PDB file of all heavy atoms in Angstrom:
ATOM      1  N   CYS A   1      -2.261 -58.103 -49.051  1.00  0.00           N
ATOM      2  CA  CYS A   1      -2.895 -56.806 -49.202  1.00  0.00           C
ATOM      3  C   CYS A   1      -1.800 -55.762 -49.223  1.00  0.00           C
ATOM      4  O   CYS A   1      -1.163 -55.510 -48.192  1.00  0.00           O
ATOM      5  CB  CYS A   1      -3.881 -56.546 -48.063  1.00  0.00           C
ATOM      6  SG  CYS A   1      -4.574 -54.879 -48.044  1.00  0.00           S
ATOM      7  N   ALA A   2      -1.571 -55.174 -50.384  1.00  0.00           N
ATOM      8  CA  ALA A   2      -0.556 -54.148 -50.544  1.00  0.00           C
ATOM      9  C   ALA A   2      -1.199 -52.779 -50.393  1.00  0.00           C
ATOM     10  O   ALA A   2      -2.146 -52.452 -51.108  1.00  0.00           O
ATOM     11  CB  ALA A   2       0.125 -54.272 -51.900  1.00  0.00           C
ATOM     12  N   ALA A   3      -0.685 -51.993 -49.471  1.00  0.00           N
ATOM     13  CA  ALA A   3      -1.209 -50.663 -49.202  1.00  0.00           C
ATOM     14  C   ALA A   3      -0.276 -49.611 -49.778  1.00  0.00           C
ATOM     15  O   ALA A   3       0.951 -49.718 -49.654  1.00  0.00           O
ATOM     16  CB  ALA A   3      -1.381 -50.444 -47.704  1.00  0.00           C
ATOM     17  N   SER A   4      -0.847 -48.618 -50.402  1.00  0.00           N
ATOM     18  CA  SER A   4      -0.081 -47.492 -50.906  1.00  0.00           C
ATOM     19  C   SER A   4      -0.680 -46.194 -50.382  1.00  0.00           C
ATOM     20  O   SER A   4      -1.809 -46.165 -49.906  1.00  0.00           O
ATOM     21  CB  SER A   4      -0.031 -47.491 -52.434  1.00  0.00           C
ATOM     22  OG  SER A   4      -1.334 -47.386 -52.983  1.00  0.00           O
ATOM     23  N   GLY A   5       0.076 -45.130 -50.513  1.00  0.00           N
ATOM     24  CA  GLY A   5      -0.322 -43.888 -49.899  1.00  0.00           C
ATOM     25  C   GLY A   5       0.234 -43.811 -48.483  1.00  0.00           C
ATOM     26  O   GLY A   5       0.958 -44.697 -48.037  1.00  0.00           O
ATOM     27  N   ARG A   6      -0.132 -42.775 -47.809  1.00  0.00           N
ATOM     28  CA  ARG A   6       0.400 -42.568 -46.472  1.00  0.00           C
ATOM     29  C   ARG A   6      -0.249 -43.507 -45.475  1.00  0.00           C
ATOM     30  O   ARG A   6      -1.476 -43.660 -45.458  1.00  0.00           O
ATOM     31  CB  ARG A   6       0.195 -41.121 -46.036  1.00  0.00           C
ATOM     32  CG  ARG A   6       0.898 -40.751 -44.744  1.00  0.00           C
ATOM     33  CD  ARG A   6       0.805 -39.266 -44.477  1.00  0.00           C
ATOM     34  NE  ARG A   6       1.436 -38.483 -45.533  1.00  0.00           N
ATOM     35  CZ  ARG A   6       2.734 -38.231 -45.621  1.00  0.00           C
ATOM     36  NH1 ARG A   6       3.558 -38.710 -44.714  1.00  0.00           N
ATOM     37  NH2 ARG A   6       3.199 -37.503 -46.615  1.00  0.00           N
ATOM     38  N   THR A   7       0.570 -44.118 -44.652  1.00  0.00           N
ATOM     39  CA  THR A   7       0.086 -44.971 -43.582  1.00  0.00           C
ATOM     40  C   THR A   7       0.508 -44.398 -42.246  1.00  0.00           C
ATOM     41  O   THR A   7       1.468 -43.631 -42.159  1.00  0.00           O
ATOM     42  CB  THR A   7       0.595 -46.407 -43.725  1.00  0.00           C
ATOM     43  OG1 THR A   7       2.028 -46.410 -43.719  1.00  0.00           O
ATOM     44  CG2 THR A   7       0.109 -47.025 -45.022  1.00  0.00           C
ATOM     45  N   PHE A   8      -0.185 -44.790 -41.221  1.00  0.00           N
ATOM     46  CA  PHE A   8       0.039 -44.261 -39.894  1.00  0.00           C
ATOM     47  C   PHE A   8       0.135 -45.401 -38.891  1.00  0.00           C
ATOM     48  O   PHE A   8      -0.452 -46.466 -39.085  1.00  0.00           O
ATOM     49  CB  PHE A   8      -1.081 -43.295 -39.492  1.00  0.00           C
ATOM     50  CG  PHE A   8      -1.277 -42.164 -40.444  1.00  0.00           C
ATOM     51  CD1 PHE A   8      -2.181 -42.271 -41.478  1.00  0.00           C
ATOM     52  CD2 PHE A   8      -0.545 -41.000 -40.310  1.00  0.00           C
ATOM     53  CE1 PHE A   8      -2.364 -41.227 -42.370  1.00  0.00           C
ATOM     54  CE2 PHE A   8      -0.719 -39.941 -41.191  1.00  0.00           C
ATOM     55  CZ  PHE A   8      -1.628 -40.066 -42.226  1.00  0.00           C
ATOM     56  N   THR A   9       0.824 -45.143 -37.817  1.00  0.00           N
ATOM     57  CA  THR A   9       1.016 -46.177 -36.810  1.00  0.00           C
ATOM     58  C   THR A   9      -0.288 -46.578 -36.136  1.00  0.00           C
ATOM     59  O   THR A   9      -0.383 -47.672 -35.593  1.00  0.00           O
ATOM     60  CB  THR A   9       2.015 -45.725 -35.744  1.00  0.00           C
ATOM     61  OG1 THR A   9       1.562 -44.513 -35.127  1.00  0.00           O
ATOM     62  CG2 THR A   9       3.384 -45.468 -36.355  1.00  0.00           C
ATOM     63  N   GLY A  10      -1.283 -45.714 -36.173  1.00  0.00           N
ATOM     64  CA  GLY A  10      -2.557 -46.016 -35.546  1.00  0.00           C
ATOM     65  C   GLY A  10      -3.519 -46.817 -36.407  1.00  0.00           C
ATOM     66  O   GLY A  10      -4.653 -47.064 -35.985  1.00  0.00           O
ATOM     67  N   THR A  11      -3.087 -47.241 -37.585  1.00  0.00           N
ATOM     68  CA  THR A  11      -3.969 -47.928 -38.517  1.00  0.00           C
ATOM     69  C   THR A  11      -4.276 -49.348 -38.053  1.00  0.00           C
ATOM     70  O   THR A  11      -3.397 -50.071 -37.589  1.00  0.00           O
ATOM     71  CB  THR A  11      -3.339 -47.962 -39.916  1.00  0.00           C
ATOM     72  OG1 THR A  11      -3.106 -46.625 -40.359  1.00  0.00           O
ATOM     73  CG2 THR A  11      -4.259 -48.660 -40.904  1.00  0.00           C
ATOM     74  N   ILE A  12      -5.538 -49.725 -38.191  1.00  0.00           N
ATOM     75  CA  ILE A  12      -5.976 -51.100 -38.015  1.00  0.00           C
ATOM     76  C   ILE A  12      -6.236 -51.681 -39.394  1.00  0.00           C
ATOM     77  O   ILE A  12      -6.971 -51.097 -40.193  1.00  0.00           O
ATOM     78  CB  ILE A  12      -7.251 -51.188 -37.163  1.00  0.00           C
ATOM     79  CG1 ILE A  12      -7.076 -50.436 -35.837  1.00  0.00           C
ATOM     80  CG2 ILE A  12      -7.633 -52.639 -36.938  1.00  0.00           C
ATOM     81  CD1 ILE A  12      -5.990 -50.998 -34.952  1.00  0.00           C
ATOM     82  N   MET A  13      -5.652 -52.829 -39.685  1.00  0.00           N
ATOM     83  CA  MET A  13      -5.864 -53.516 -40.942  1.00  0.00           C
ATOM     84  C   MET A  13      -6.730 -54.736 -40.696  1.00  0.00           C
ATOM     85  O   MET A  13      -6.459 -55.514 -39.780  1.00  0.00           O
ATOM     86  CB  MET A  13      -4.547 -53.935 -41.574  1.00  0.00           C
ATOM     87  CG  MET A  13      -3.585 -52.786 -41.846  1.00  0.00           C
ATOM     88  SD  MET A  13      -4.229 -51.615 -43.080  1.00  0.00           S
ATOM     89  CE  MET A  13      -4.306 -52.666 -44.529  1.00  0.00           C
ATOM     90  N   GLY A  14      -7.757 -54.889 -41.507  1.00  0.00           N
ATOM     91  CA  GLY A  14      -8.673 -55.999 -41.331  1.00  0.00           C
ATOM     92  C   GLY A  14      -8.874 -56.797 -42.598  1.00  0.00           C
ATOM     93  O   GLY A  14      -8.682 -56.298 -43.709  1.00  0.00           O
ATOM     94  N   TRP A  15      -9.233 -58.053 -42.427  1.00  0.00           N
ATOM     95  CA  TRP A  15      -9.689 -58.908 -43.511  1.00  0.00           C
ATOM     96  C   TRP A  15     -11.153 -59.261 -43.258  1.00  0.00           C
ATOM     97  O   TRP A  15     -11.518 -59.677 -42.154  1.00  0.00           O
ATOM     98  CB  TRP A  15      -8.871 -60.194 -43.611  1.00  0.00           C
ATOM     99  CG  TRP A  15      -7.516 -60.022 -44.218  1.00  0.00           C
ATOM    100  CD1 TRP A  15      -6.332 -59.896 -43.568  1.00  0.00           C
ATOM    101  CD2 TRP A  15      -7.212 -59.983 -45.618  1.00  0.00           C
ATOM    102  NE1 TRP A  15      -5.304 -59.773 -44.471  1.00  0.00           N
ATOM    103  CE2 TRP A  15      -5.813 -59.828 -45.738  1.00  0.00           C
ATOM    104  CE3 TRP A  15      -7.978 -60.071 -46.783  1.00  0.00           C
ATOM    105  CZ2 TRP A  15      -5.166 -59.747 -46.973  1.00  0.00           C
ATOM    106  CZ3 TRP A  15      -7.340 -59.988 -48.009  1.00  0.00           C
ATOM    107  CH2 TRP A  15      -5.953 -59.835 -48.091  1.00  0.00           C
ATOM    108  N   PHE A  16     -11.962 -59.094 -44.287  1.00  0.00           N
ATOM    109  CA  PHE A  16     -13.364 -59.466 -44.261  1.00  0.00           C
ATOM    110  C   PHE A  16     -13.643 -60.363 -45.452  1.00  0.00           C
ATOM    111  O   PHE A  16     -12.887 -60.373 -46.412  1.00  0.00           O
ATOM    112  CB  PHE A  16     -14.262 -58.230 -44.307  1.00  0.00           C
ATOM    113  CG  PHE A  16     -14.165 -57.359 -43.091  1.00  0.00           C
ATOM    114  CD1 PHE A  16     -13.115 -56.472 -42.934  1.00  0.00           C
ATOM    115  CD2 PHE A  16     -15.129 -57.418 -42.100  1.00  0.00           C
ATOM    116  CE1 PHE A  16     -13.017 -55.664 -41.813  1.00  0.00           C
ATOM    117  CE2 PHE A  16     -15.050 -56.614 -40.970  1.00  0.00           C
ATOM    118  CZ  PHE A  16     -13.996 -55.745 -40.831  1.00  0.00           C
ATOM    119  N   ARG A  17     -14.736 -61.093 -45.397  1.00  0.00           N
ATOM    120  CA  ARG A  17     -15.108 -61.920 -46.530  1.00  0.00           C
ATOM    121  C   ARG A  17     -16.610 -61.858 -46.740  1.00  0.00           C
ATOM    122  O   ARG A  17     -17.380 -61.628 -45.813  1.00  0.00           O
ATOM    123  CB  ARG A  17     -14.655 -63.367 -46.345  1.00  0.00           C
ATOM    124  CG  ARG A  17     -15.345 -64.120 -45.212  1.00  0.00           C
ATOM    125  CD  ARG A  17     -14.692 -65.488 -45.022  1.00  0.00           C
ATOM    126  NE  ARG A  17     -15.375 -66.293 -44.030  1.00  0.00           N
ATOM    127  CZ  ARG A  17     -14.958 -67.474 -43.612  1.00  0.00           C
ATOM    128  NH1 ARG A  17     -13.835 -68.000 -44.106  1.00  0.00           N
ATOM    129  NH2 ARG A  17     -15.653 -68.143 -42.694  1.00  0.00           N
ATOM    130  N   GLN A  18     -17.017 -62.077 -47.988  1.00  0.00           N
ATOM    131  CA  GLN A  18     -18.421 -62.019 -48.343  1.00  0.00           C
ATOM    132  C   GLN A  18     -18.722 -63.068 -49.401  1.00  0.00           C
ATOM    133  O   GLN A  18     -18.164 -63.030 -50.496  1.00  0.00           O
ATOM    134  CB  GLN A  18     -18.798 -60.629 -48.852  1.00  0.00           C
ATOM    135  CG  GLN A  18     -20.283 -60.439 -49.068  1.00  0.00           C
ATOM    136  CD  GLN A  18     -20.653 -58.986 -49.255  1.00  0.00           C
ATOM    137  OE1 GLN A  18     -19.830 -58.166 -49.648  1.00  0.00           O
ATOM    138  NE2 GLN A  18     -21.902 -58.652 -48.961  1.00  0.00           N
ATOM    139  N   ALA A  19     -19.603 -63.988 -49.054  1.00  0.00           N
ATOM    140  CA  ALA A  19     -20.081 -64.981 -49.995  1.00  0.00           C
ATOM    141  C   ALA A  19     -21.313 -64.437 -50.713  1.00  0.00           C
ATOM    142  O   ALA A  19     -22.004 -63.558 -50.193  1.00  0.00           O
ATOM    143  CB  ALA A  19     -20.416 -66.282 -49.276  1.00  0.00           C
ATOM    144  N   PRO A  20     -21.627 -64.944 -51.911  1.00  0.00           N
ATOM    145  CA  PRO A  20     -22.801 -64.448 -52.638  1.00  0.00           C
ATOM    146  C   PRO A  20     -24.073 -64.560 -51.807  1.00  0.00           C
ATOM    147  O   PRO A  20     -24.363 -65.606 -51.231  1.00  0.00           O
ATOM    148  CB  PRO A  20     -22.852 -65.349 -53.868  1.00  0.00           C
ATOM    149  CG  PRO A  20     -21.438 -65.777 -54.071  1.00  0.00           C
ATOM    150  CD  PRO A  20     -20.875 -65.930 -52.692  1.00  0.00           C
ATOM    151  N   GLY A  21     -24.818 -63.473 -51.741  1.00  0.00           N
ATOM    152  CA  GLY A  21     -26.054 -63.451 -50.989  1.00  0.00           C
ATOM    153  C   GLY A  21     -25.903 -63.369 -49.492  1.00  0.00           C
ATOM    154  O   GLY A  21     -26.909 -63.409 -48.777  1.00  0.00           O
ATOM    155  N   LYS A  22     -24.680 -63.250 -49.004  1.00  0.00           N
ATOM    156  CA  LYS A  22     -24.422 -63.197 -47.569  1.00  0.00           C
ATOM    157  C   LYS A  22     -23.875 -61.831 -47.174  1.00  0.00           C
ATOM    158  O   LYS A  22     -23.383 -61.076 -48.009  1.00  0.00           O
ATOM    159  CB  LYS A  22     -23.424 -64.283 -47.155  1.00  0.00           C
ATOM    160  CG  LYS A  22     -23.826 -65.691 -47.530  1.00  0.00           C
ATOM    161  CD  LYS A  22     -25.072 -66.132 -46.792  1.00  0.00           C
ATOM    162  CE  LYS A  22     -25.394 -67.583 -47.101  1.00  0.00           C
ATOM    163  NZ  LYS A  22     -26.615 -68.035 -46.392  1.00  0.00           N
ATOM    164  N   GLU A  23     -23.966 -61.537 -45.890  1.00  0.00           N
ATOM    165  CA  GLU A  23     -23.399 -60.303 -45.372  1.00  0.00           C
ATOM    166  C   GLU A  23     -21.887 -60.418 -45.275  1.00  0.00           C
ATOM    167  O   GLU A  23     -21.336 -61.507 -45.115  1.00  0.00           O
ATOM    168  CB  GLU A  23     -23.979 -59.985 -43.995  1.00  0.00           C
ATOM    169  CG  GLU A  23     -25.460 -59.668 -44.004  1.00  0.00           C
ATOM    170  CD  GLU A  23     -25.981 -59.281 -42.638  1.00  0.00           C
ATOM    171  OE1 GLU A  23     -25.262 -59.483 -41.640  1.00  0.00           O
ATOM    172  OE2 GLU A  23     -27.102 -58.768 -42.569  1.00  0.00           O
ATOM    173  N   ARG A  24     -21.231 -59.283 -45.379  1.00  0.00           N
ATOM    174  CA  ARG A  24     -19.794 -59.254 -45.195  1.00  0.00           C
ATOM    175  C   ARG A  24     -19.458 -59.542 -43.735  1.00  0.00           C
ATOM    176  O   ARG A  24     -20.048 -58.943 -42.828  1.00  0.00           O
ATOM    177  CB  ARG A  24     -19.247 -57.888 -45.613  1.00  0.00           C
ATOM    178  CG  ARG A  24     -17.736 -57.820 -45.688  1.00  0.00           C
ATOM    179  CD  ARG A  24     -17.278 -56.558 -46.419  1.00  0.00           C
ATOM    180  NE  ARG A  24     -17.779 -56.526 -47.786  1.00  0.00           N
ATOM    181  CZ  ARG A  24     -17.432 -55.624 -48.689  1.00  0.00           C
ATOM    182  NH1 ARG A  24     -16.566 -54.657 -48.373  1.00  0.00           N
ATOM    183  NH2 ARG A  24     -17.952 -55.666 -49.908  1.00  0.00           N
ATOM    184  N   GLU A  25     -18.524 -60.456 -43.502  1.00  0.00           N
ATOM    185  CA  GLU A  25     -18.211 -60.869 -42.153  1.00  0.00           C
ATOM    186  C   GLU A  25     -16.731 -60.692 -41.843  1.00  0.00           C
ATOM    187  O   GLU A  25     -15.869 -60.796 -42.716  1.00  0.00           O
ATOM    188  CB  GLU A  25     -18.626 -62.326 -41.902  1.00  0.00           C
ATOM    189  CG  GLU A  25     -17.870 -63.353 -42.720  1.00  0.00           C
ATOM    190  CD  GLU A  25     -18.318 -64.768 -42.421  1.00  0.00           C
ATOM    191  OE1 GLU A  25     -19.328 -64.951 -41.711  1.00  0.00           O
ATOM    192  OE2 GLU A  25     -17.658 -65.717 -42.900  1.00  0.00           O
ATOM    193  N   PHE A  26     -16.468 -60.451 -40.583  1.00  0.00           N
ATOM    194  CA  PHE A  26     -15.119 -60.252 -40.094  1.00  0.00           C
ATOM    195  C   PHE A  26     -14.333 -61.547 -40.137  1.00  0.00           C
ATOM    196  O   PHE A  26     -14.852 -62.620 -39.805  1.00  0.00           O
ATOM    197  CB  PHE A  26     -15.173 -59.720 -38.657  1.00  0.00           C
ATOM    198  CG  PHE A  26     -13.851 -59.715 -37.960  1.00  0.00           C
ATOM    199  CD1 PHE A  26     -12.907 -58.745 -38.236  1.00  0.00           C
ATOM    200  CD2 PHE A  26     -13.551 -60.685 -37.019  1.00  0.00           C
ATOM    201  CE1 PHE A  26     -11.685 -58.738 -37.590  1.00  0.00           C
ATOM    202  CE2 PHE A  26     -12.340 -60.691 -36.369  1.00  0.00           C
ATOM    203  CZ  PHE A  26     -11.405 -59.713 -36.661  1.00  0.00           C
ATOM    204  N   VAL A  27     -13.068 -61.448 -40.515  1.00  0.00           N
ATOM    205  CA  VAL A  27     -12.164 -62.587 -40.520  1.00  0.00           C
ATOM    206  C   VAL A  27     -11.015 -62.381 -39.538  1.00  0.00           C
ATOM    207  O   VAL A  27     -10.768 -63.216 -38.673  1.00  0.00           O
ATOM    208  CB  VAL A  27     -11.602 -62.862 -41.926  1.00  0.00           C
ATOM    209  CG1 VAL A  27     -10.588 -63.997 -41.890  1.00  0.00           C
ATOM    210  CG2 VAL A  27     -12.735 -63.179 -42.897  1.00  0.00           C
ATOM    211  N   ALA A  28     -10.302 -61.265 -39.675  1.00  0.00           N
ATOM    212  CA  ALA A  28      -9.122 -61.028 -38.849  1.00  0.00           C
ATOM    213  C   ALA A  28      -8.761 -59.557 -38.892  1.00  0.00           C
ATOM    214  O   ALA A  28      -9.132 -58.841 -39.827  1.00  0.00           O
ATOM    215  CB  ALA A  28      -7.935 -61.866 -39.330  1.00  0.00           C
ATOM    216  N   LEU A  29      -8.032 -59.105 -37.892  1.00  0.00           N
ATOM    217  CA  LEU A  29      -7.478 -57.758 -37.895  1.00  0.00           C
ATOM    218  C   LEU A  29      -6.116 -57.762 -37.242  1.00  0.00           C
ATOM    219  O   LEU A  29      -5.779 -58.664 -36.469  1.00  0.00           O
ATOM    220  CB  LEU A  29      -8.418 -56.755 -37.207  1.00  0.00           C
ATOM    221  CG  LEU A  29      -8.685 -56.865 -35.707  1.00  0.00           C
ATOM    222  CD1 LEU A  29      -7.565 -56.218 -34.880  1.00  0.00           C
ATOM    223  CD2 LEU A  29     -10.009 -56.203 -35.358  1.00  0.00           C
ATOM    224  N   ILE A  30      -5.353 -56.751 -37.560  1.00  0.00           N
ATOM    225  CA  ILE A  30      -4.039 -56.593 -36.969  1.00  0.00           C
ATOM    226  C   ILE A  30      -3.789 -55.112 -36.716  1.00  0.00           C
ATOM    227  O   ILE A  30      -4.148 -54.271 -37.537  1.00  0.00           O
ATOM    228  CB  ILE A  30      -2.931 -57.213 -37.854  1.00  0.00           C
ATOM    229  CG1 ILE A  30      -1.580 -57.204 -37.141  1.00  0.00           C
ATOM    230  CG2 ILE A  30      -2.842 -56.505 -39.204  1.00  0.00           C
ATOM    231  CD1 ILE A  30      -0.534 -58.082 -37.820  1.00  0.00           C
ATOM    232  N   ARG A  31      -3.220 -54.812 -35.583  1.00  0.00           N
ATOM    233  CA  ARG A  31      -2.816 -53.455 -35.264  1.00  0.00           C
ATOM    234  C   ARG A  31      -1.457 -53.196 -35.899  1.00  0.00           C
ATOM    235  O   ARG A  31      -0.486 -53.899 -35.610  1.00  0.00           O
ATOM    236  CB  ARG A  31      -2.767 -53.240 -33.757  1.00  0.00           C
ATOM    237  CG  ARG A  31      -4.125 -53.394 -33.091  1.00  0.00           C
ATOM    238  CD  ARG A  31      -4.036 -53.378 -31.573  1.00  0.00           C
ATOM    239  NE  ARG A  31      -5.351 -53.466 -30.977  1.00  0.00           N
ATOM    240  CZ  ARG A  31      -6.019 -54.594 -30.787  1.00  0.00           C
ATOM    241  NH1 ARG A  31      -5.480 -55.754 -31.149  1.00  0.00           N
ATOM    242  NH2 ARG A  31      -7.221 -54.584 -30.235  1.00  0.00           N
ATOM    243  N   TRP A  32      -1.402 -52.203 -36.782  1.00  0.00           N
ATOM    244  CA  TRP A  32      -0.210 -51.972 -37.581  1.00  0.00           C
ATOM    245  C   TRP A  32       1.018 -51.714 -36.718  1.00  0.00           C
ATOM    246  O   TRP A  32       2.103 -52.215 -37.001  1.00  0.00           O
ATOM    247  CB  TRP A  32      -0.439 -50.803 -38.538  1.00  0.00           C
ATOM    248  CG  TRP A  32       0.594 -50.712 -39.601  1.00  0.00           C
ATOM    249  CD1 TRP A  32       1.722 -49.951 -39.587  1.00  0.00           C
ATOM    250  CD2 TRP A  32       0.597 -51.425 -40.842  1.00  0.00           C
ATOM    251  NE1 TRP A  32       2.429 -50.144 -40.741  1.00  0.00           N
ATOM    252  CE2 TRP A  32       1.763 -51.039 -41.529  1.00  0.00           C
ATOM    253  CE3 TRP A  32      -0.276 -52.344 -41.427  1.00  0.00           C
ATOM    254  CZ2 TRP A  32       2.084 -51.550 -42.789  1.00  0.00           C
ATOM    255  CZ3 TRP A  32       0.042 -52.846 -42.677  1.00  0.00           C
ATOM    256  CH2 TRP A  32       1.210 -52.449 -43.340  1.00  0.00           C
ATOM    257  N   SER A  33       0.853 -50.942 -35.670  1.00  0.00           N
ATOM    258  CA  SER A  33       1.999 -50.544 -34.870  1.00  0.00           C
ATOM    259  C   SER A  33       2.566 -51.684 -34.039  1.00  0.00           C
ATOM    260  O   SER A  33       3.788 -51.851 -33.965  1.00  0.00           O
ATOM    261  CB  SER A  33       1.622 -49.377 -33.955  1.00  0.00           C
ATOM    262  OG  SER A  33       0.559 -49.723 -33.087  1.00  0.00           O
ATOM    263  N   SER A  34       1.711 -52.465 -33.422  1.00  0.00           N
ATOM    264  CA  SER A  34       2.159 -53.491 -32.493  1.00  0.00           C
ATOM    265  C   SER A  34       2.237 -54.883 -33.105  1.00  0.00           C
ATOM    266  O   SER A  34       2.970 -55.736 -32.604  1.00  0.00           O
ATOM    267  CB  SER A  34       1.236 -53.538 -31.276  1.00  0.00           C
ATOM    268  OG  SER A  34      -0.053 -53.993 -31.639  1.00  0.00           O
ATOM    269  N   GLY A  35       1.459 -55.132 -34.151  1.00  0.00           N
ATOM    270  CA  GLY A  35       1.391 -56.464 -34.725  1.00  0.00           C
ATOM    271  C   GLY A  35       0.458 -57.406 -34.003  1.00  0.00           C
ATOM    272  O   GLY A  35       0.345 -58.581 -34.400  1.00  0.00           O
ATOM    273  N   THR A  36      -0.218 -56.942 -32.974  1.00  0.00           N
ATOM    274  CA  THR A  36      -1.178 -57.796 -32.285  1.00  0.00           C
ATOM    275  C   THR A  36      -2.394 -58.025 -33.170  1.00  0.00           C
ATOM    276  O   THR A  36      -2.774 -57.158 -33.954  1.00  0.00           O
ATOM    277  CB  THR A  36      -1.601 -57.188 -30.946  1.00  0.00           C
ATOM    278  OG1 THR A  36      -2.148 -55.876 -31.166  1.00  0.00           O
ATOM    279  CG2 THR A  36      -0.413 -57.086 -30.017  1.00  0.00           C
ATOM    280  N   SER A  37      -3.011 -59.171 -33.041  1.00  0.00           N
ATOM    281  CA  SER A  37      -4.063 -59.563 -33.967  1.00  0.00           C
ATOM    282  C   SER A  37      -5.250 -60.183 -33.252  1.00  0.00           C
ATOM    283  O   SER A  37      -5.157 -60.626 -32.104  1.00  0.00           O
ATOM    284  CB  SER A  37      -3.515 -60.545 -35.002  1.00  0.00           C
ATOM    285  OG  SER A  37      -3.052 -61.727 -34.384  1.00  0.00           O
ATOM    286  N   SER A  38      -6.365 -60.205 -33.953  1.00  0.00           N
ATOM    287  CA  SER A  38      -7.575 -60.879 -33.510  1.00  0.00           C
ATOM    288  C   SER A  38      -8.160 -61.637 -34.693  1.00  0.00           C
ATOM    289  O   SER A  38      -8.071 -61.176 -35.828  1.00  0.00           O
ATOM    290  CB  SER A  38      -8.609 -59.885 -32.976  1.00  0.00           C
ATOM    291  OG  SER A  38      -8.141 -59.201 -31.838  1.00  0.00           O
ATOM    292  N   LEU A  39      -8.757 -62.781 -34.422  1.00  0.00           N
ATOM    293  CA  LEU A  39      -9.364 -63.591 -35.466  1.00  0.00           C
ATOM    294  C   LEU A  39     -10.764 -64.015 -35.076  1.00  0.00           C
ATOM    295  O   LEU A  39     -11.056 -64.210 -33.891  1.00  0.00           O
ATOM    296  CB  LEU A  39      -8.524 -64.840 -35.748  1.00  0.00           C
ATOM    297  CG  LEU A  39      -7.127 -64.591 -36.301  1.00  0.00           C
ATOM    298  CD1 LEU A  39      -6.078 -64.906 -35.249  1.00  0.00           C
ATOM    299  CD2 LEU A  39      -6.890 -65.426 -37.543  1.00  0.00           C
ATOM    300  N   ALA A  40     -11.608 -64.158 -36.074  1.00  0.00           N
ATOM    301  CA  ALA A  40     -12.946 -64.663 -35.836  1.00  0.00           C
ATOM    302  C   ALA A  40     -12.882 -66.112 -35.356  1.00  0.00           C
ATOM    303  O   ALA A  40     -11.981 -66.867 -35.726  1.00  0.00           O
ATOM    304  CB  ALA A  40     -13.784 -64.572 -37.108  1.00  0.00           C
TER     305      ALA A  40
END
């Protein structure tokens, strides 16, 4: 995931996924500043 434009240290980056006919669901996130992460 390539991000452009202004970014900030407080940004949370997430990955979500959506199968046809299904709700969008959480996969993973990472705190931009620290690099700490969470996964489904």
